[in-house]
Amino acid sequence: MISIKSEREINLIKESGHLNYLTHELLKANLKPGITTNELDKIAYDFITAHGGYPSCLNYEGFPKSICISINDEVVHGIPSNRVIKNGDVVSIDFCVLKDGYQSDSARTYIVGDATDDVKALVENTEKALYIGLQEIKEGAKIGDIGAAILEYATDHGLGVVRELVGHGIGTEMHEEPDVPNYGTRGTGITLKAGMVIAVEPMLTLGNKDIAIMDDDWTIVTQDGLPSAHFEHTVVVTKDGYEILTKE
């Protein structure tokens, strides 16, 4: 069932989202060649818990860490380890924060150091695709409008759109109805209503859209081994647009 959040609930999600934002900013400041993904994970855990939150990826369906860190051809759900970040790595960081009973979900992708022009374009256009999708959101729009806009933008820029992984509703649970695909047909799907809270998260690839899962049963990679990028915000639908809840 799709829930409509009250003003109180939206404010609580916004508080969770602010902590999510601050954690991303801290991780960004520490992301550099030589740091391990485990070190980044600990920074996130310590900061979130010190500010009254909980990193809700931790132990979610057995996931062993607080945040997902996916590098280069890893699309999502990379597990932090003793892996060292290197110059030229494309690093996607994705996590949820639970605070006062409400979740927020956000992802960013960074290039550490140097990169080729096509990799820079992948990251820049994936972030742009997120905002292209968000621009479709308002009361009365259809869920398919979001995915169609993302797909059109990605296709125009020669990028693959992962189909098996989608955005979602969010609230007291990390994943709620509805699904929010990054592809679709305009004018189709559920009708958006003011008070719905959704996480929109394009996952685009430099090559084709095909993916595979690694032996750890979590890490999703591109089948062709080419890089991927991922950006996400938690937003609330309003009468005439949307508000991002995972920002400063």
Protein backbone atom coordinates (compact mmCIF):
# COMPACT_ATOMS: atom_id res chain seq x y z
CA MET A 1 0.00 0.00 0.00
CA ILE A 2 1.27 3.47 -0.89
CA SER A 3 1.16 5.79 2.10
CA ILE A 4 0.66 9.55 2.16
CA LYS A 5 2.93 11.09 4.77
CA SER A 6 1.68 13.70 7.22
CA GLU A 7 3.52 16.98 7.72
CA ARG A 8 4.98 15.57 10.93
CA GLU A 9 6.28 12.49 9.10
CA ILE A 10 7.74 14.56 6.28
CA ASN A 11 9.58 16.72 8.80
CA LEU A 12 11.00 13.60 10.48
CA ILE A 13 12.17 12.23 7.14
CA LYS A 14 13.73 15.63 6.42
CA GLU A 15 15.64 15.43 9.73
CA SER A 16 16.87 11.97 8.80
CA GLY A 17 17.71 13.29 5.35
CA HIS A 18 19.74 16.15 6.78
CA LEU A 19 21.86 13.68 8.76
CA ASN A 20 22.19 11.64 5.57
CA TYR A 21 23.42 14.77 3.74
CA LEU A 22 25.93 15.65 6.47
CA THR A 23 27.30 12.10 6.41
CA HIS A 24 27.79 12.29 2.65
CA GLU A 25 29.63 15.58 3.07
CA LEU A 26 31.94 14.02 5.67
CA LEU A 27 32.63 11.03 3.44
CA LYS A 28 33.33 13.34 0.50
CA ALA A 29 35.91 15.20 2.58
CA ASN A 30 37.66 11.92 3.45
CA LEU A 31 37.49 10.25 0.04
CA LYS A 32 41.01 10.17 -1.40
CA PRO A 33 43.58 7.71 -2.73
CA GLY A 34 44.94 5.46 0.00
CA ILE A 35 41.85 5.27 2.23
CA THR A 36 40.11 1.92 2.52
CA THR A 37 36.42 1.36 2.06
CA ASN A 38 36.31 -0.05 5.60
CA GLU A 39 37.69 3.24 6.92
CA LEU A 40 34.96 5.15 5.10
CA ASP A 41 32.36 2.76 6.49
CA LYS A 42 33.57 3.38 10.05
CA ILE A 43 33.52 7.15 9.52
CA ALA A 44 29.88 6.89 8.45
CA TYR A 45 28.87 4.57 11.31
CA ASP A 46 30.53 6.72 13.96
CA PHE A 47 29.06 9.97 12.63
CA ILE A 48 25.51 8.69 12.13
CA THR A 49 25.30 7.03 15.54
CA ALA A 50 26.90 10.04 17.28
CA HIS A 51 24.07 12.18 15.91
CA GLY A 52 21.20 10.02 17.06
CA GLY A 53 20.74 7.96 13.92
CA TYR A 54 21.39 4.41 12.78
CA PRO A 55 22.90 3.27 9.46
CA SER A 56 20.04 1.05 8.42
CA CYS A 57 21.95 -0.84 5.74
CA LEU A 58 23.83 -2.51 8.61
CA ASN A 59 22.47 -6.06 8.95
CA TYR A 60 19.65 -5.33 6.48
CA GLU A 61 18.84 -8.78 5.09
CA GLY A 62 22.35 -9.79 6.15
CA PHE A 63 24.29 -6.88 4.62
CA PRO A 64 27.36 -6.68 6.89
CA LYS A 65 28.29 -2.99 6.68
CA SER A 66 26.81 0.48 7.29
CA ILE A 67 27.12 1.86 3.76
CA CYS A 68 27.44 0.54 0.22
CA ILE A 69 30.61 1.50 -1.65
CA SER A 70 30.68 0.43 -5.28
CA ILE A 71 33.79 1.02 -7.39
CA ASN A 72 34.22 1.27 -11.17
CA ASP A 73 32.17 -1.55 -12.78
CA GLU A 74 30.26 -2.13 -9.52
CA VAL A 75 26.78 -0.65 -9.89
CA VAL A 76 25.45 -0.92 -6.33
CA HIS A 77 25.69 -2.83 -3.05
CA GLY A 78 29.48 -3.04 -2.87
CA ILE A 79 30.57 -4.26 0.57
CA PRO A 80 33.26 -2.21 2.36
CA SER A 81 36.47 -4.11 3.01
CA ASN A 82 40.21 -3.54 3.18
CA ARG A 83 40.13 -2.46 -0.48
CA VAL A 84 42.17 0.70 -1.03
CA ILE A 85 40.75 3.58 -3.07
CA LYS A 86 43.07 4.43 -5.98
CA ASN A 87 43.55 7.40 -8.28
CA GLY A 88 41.07 7.17 -11.13
CA ASP A 89 38.48 5.09 -9.26
CA VAL A 90 34.80 5.83 -9.82
CA VAL A 91 33.29 5.50 -6.34
CA SER A 92 29.54 5.33 -5.64
CA ILE A 93 28.45 5.71 -2.02
CA ASP A 94 24.86 4.77 -1.10
CA PHE A 95 23.24 4.43 2.30
CA CYS A 96 20.13 4.90 4.39
CA VAL A 97 19.82 6.68 7.72
CA LEU A 98 17.18 5.77 10.29
CA LYS A 99 16.43 8.55 12.75
CA ASP A 100 13.45 8.83 15.11
CA GLY A 101 11.74 6.01 13.27
CA TYR A 102 12.05 7.38 9.72
CA GLN A 103 14.37 6.51 6.86
CA SER A 104 16.21 8.57 4.26
CA ASP A 105 18.16 7.23 1.28
CA SER A 106 20.74 8.99 -0.87
CA ALA A 107 23.61 8.12 -3.20
CA ARG A 108 26.46 10.01 -4.87
CA THR A 109 29.22 9.02 -7.29
CA TYR A 110 32.70 10.54 -7.26
CA ILE A 111 35.75 10.36 -9.46
CA VAL A 112 38.86 10.10 -7.30
CA GLY A 113 41.67 11.94 -9.05
CA ASP A 114 41.99 11.67 -12.82
CA ALA A 115 39.58 10.18 -15.33
CA THR A 116 38.93 10.05 -19.05
CA ASP A 117 36.43 12.40 -20.63
CA ASP A 118 33.89 9.62 -21.18
CA VAL A 119 34.01 8.63 -17.50
CA LYS A 120 33.61 12.27 -16.46
CA ALA A 121 30.61 12.52 -18.78
CA LEU A 122 29.11 9.34 -17.30
CA VAL A 123 29.19 10.76 -13.78
CA GLU A 124 28.01 14.24 -14.80
CA ASN A 125 25.15 12.92 -16.92
CA THR A 126 23.99 10.42 -14.31
CA GLU A 127 23.60 13.25 -11.81
CA LYS A 128 21.82 15.34 -14.44
CA ALA A 129 19.54 12.39 -15.22
CA LEU A 130 18.44 12.35 -11.58
CA TYR A 131 17.33 15.98 -11.76
CA ILE A 132 15.74 15.46 -15.18
CA GLY A 133 13.62 12.74 -13.55
CA LEU A 134 12.82 14.85 -10.50
CA GLN A 135 11.53 17.65 -12.73
CA GLU A 136 8.65 15.39 -13.76
CA ILE A 137 7.38 15.08 -10.18
CA LYS A 138 4.22 16.85 -9.07
CA GLU A 139 0.74 15.88 -7.94
CA GLY A 140 -1.13 14.32 -10.84
CA ALA A 141 1.95 13.16 -12.75
CA LYS A 142 2.44 9.47 -13.45
CA ILE A 143 5.28 7.33 -12.12
CA GLY A 144 6.13 6.44 -15.73
CA ASP A 145 6.89 10.09 -16.46
CA ILE A 146 9.94 9.94 -14.18
CA GLY A 147 11.46 6.85 -15.74
CA ALA A 148 10.69 7.99 -19.28
CA ALA A 149 12.54 11.26 -18.72
CA ILE A 150 15.57 9.48 -17.25
CA LEU A 151 15.62 6.91 -20.06
CA GLU A 152 15.34 9.58 -22.75
CA TYR A 153 18.18 11.61 -21.27
CA ALA A 154 20.44 8.58 -20.78
CA THR A 155 19.78 7.28 -24.28
CA ASP A 156 20.47 10.68 -25.80
CA HIS A 157 23.87 10.63 -24.09
CA GLY A 158 24.75 7.06 -25.07
CA LEU A 159 24.43 5.56 -21.58
CA GLY A 160 22.89 2.27 -20.48
CA VAL A 161 20.01 2.24 -18.00
CA VAL A 162 19.98 -0.63 -15.48
CA ARG A 163 16.48 -2.15 -15.46
CA GLU A 164 16.60 -4.67 -12.62
CA LEU A 165 17.23 -2.08 -9.89
CA VAL A 166 14.75 0.71 -9.23
CA GLY A 167 13.87 3.55 -6.91
CA HIS A 168 11.17 3.10 -4.30
CA GLY A 169 8.87 4.57 -1.73
CA ILE A 170 10.39 5.22 1.68
CA GLY A 171 9.21 6.12 5.18
CA THR A 172 9.33 4.01 8.31
CA GLU A 173 10.69 1.24 6.07
CA MET A 174 13.69 1.48 3.78
CA HIS A 175 11.74 0.12 0.82
CA GLU A 176 8.04 0.87 0.47
CA GLU A 177 5.64 1.03 -2.45
CA PRO A 178 5.75 2.20 -5.18
CA ASP A 179 8.67 1.06 -7.33
CA VAL A 180 10.21 3.97 -9.25
CA PRO A 181 11.92 2.57 -12.38
CA ASN A 182 14.52 4.50 -14.34
CA TYR A 183 12.72 3.66 -17.57
CA GLY A 184 9.08 3.74 -18.60
CA THR A 185 6.37 5.28 -20.71
CA ARG A 186 4.90 8.70 -20.11
CA GLY A 187 1.32 8.72 -18.86
CA THR A 188 1.54 5.23 -17.36
CA GLY A 189 1.80 3.86 -13.84
CA ILE A 190 0.40 5.13 -10.58
CA THR A 191 -0.64 8.74 -10.16
CA LEU A 192 1.57 10.77 -7.84
CA LYS A 193 -0.14 12.47 -4.92
CA ALA A 194 1.08 15.20 -2.59
CA GLY A 195 2.64 13.64 0.50
CA MET A 196 4.12 10.60 -1.23
CA VAL A 197 7.80 10.18 -0.38
CA ILE A 198 9.96 8.39 -2.93
CA ALA A 199 13.63 7.74 -3.59
CA VAL A 200 14.63 8.33 -7.21
CA GLU A 201 17.96 6.77 -8.17
CA PRO A 202 19.22 6.43 -11.74
CA MET A 203 21.97 3.84 -12.19
CA LEU A 204 23.60 4.39 -15.57
CA THR A 205 26.44 2.59 -17.32
CA LEU A 206 29.12 3.57 -19.79
CA GLY A 207 28.38 0.44 -21.81
CA ASN A 208 25.27 -1.72 -22.08
CA LYS A 209 22.64 -2.16 -19.40
CA ASP A 210 23.33 -5.81 -18.55
CA ILE A 211 24.38 -6.63 -15.00
CA ALA A 212 25.50 -9.60 -12.92
CA ILE A 213 25.76 -10.39 -9.22
CA MET A 214 29.07 -11.32 -7.60
CA ASP A 215 29.73 -14.36 -5.44
CA ASP A 216 29.13 -12.33 -2.25
CA ASP A 217 25.42 -12.27 -3.29
CA TRP A 218 25.35 -8.48 -2.89
CA THR A 219 27.66 -6.64 -5.27
CA ILE A 220 26.06 -5.88 -8.64
CA VAL A 221 28.47 -5.31 -11.55
CA THR A 222 28.19 -4.45 -15.23
CA GLN A 223 28.55 -7.53 -17.42
CA ASP A 224 30.86 -5.73 -19.84
CA GLY A 225 33.16 -4.47 -17.07
CA LEU A 226 32.63 -0.80 -17.92
CA PRO A 227 32.05 1.82 -15.22
CA SER A 228 28.69 2.72 -13.70
CA ALA A 229 27.41 5.74 -11.78
CA HIS A 230 24.57 6.19 -9.29
CA PHE A 231 22.85 9.26 -7.82
CA GLU A 232 19.82 9.31 -5.52
CA HIS A 233 17.66 11.66 -3.50
CA THR A 234 14.68 11.12 -1.23
CA VAL A 235 11.91 13.56 -2.21
CA VAL A 236 8.34 14.38 -1.24
CA VAL A 237 5.71 15.03 -3.88
CA THR A 238 4.01 18.43 -3.52
CA LYS A 239 0.99 20.01 -5.19
CA ASP A 240 3.08 21.66 -7.88
CA GLY A 241 6.44 19.90 -7.72
CA TYR A 242 8.71 18.20 -5.22
CA GLU A 243 11.04 18.89 -2.31
CA ILE A 244 14.36 17.14 -1.80
CA LEU A 245 14.58 15.79 1.76
CA THR A 246 18.21 14.60 1.59
CA LYS A 247 19.93 17.95 1.35
CA GLU A 248 21.37 20.63 3.61
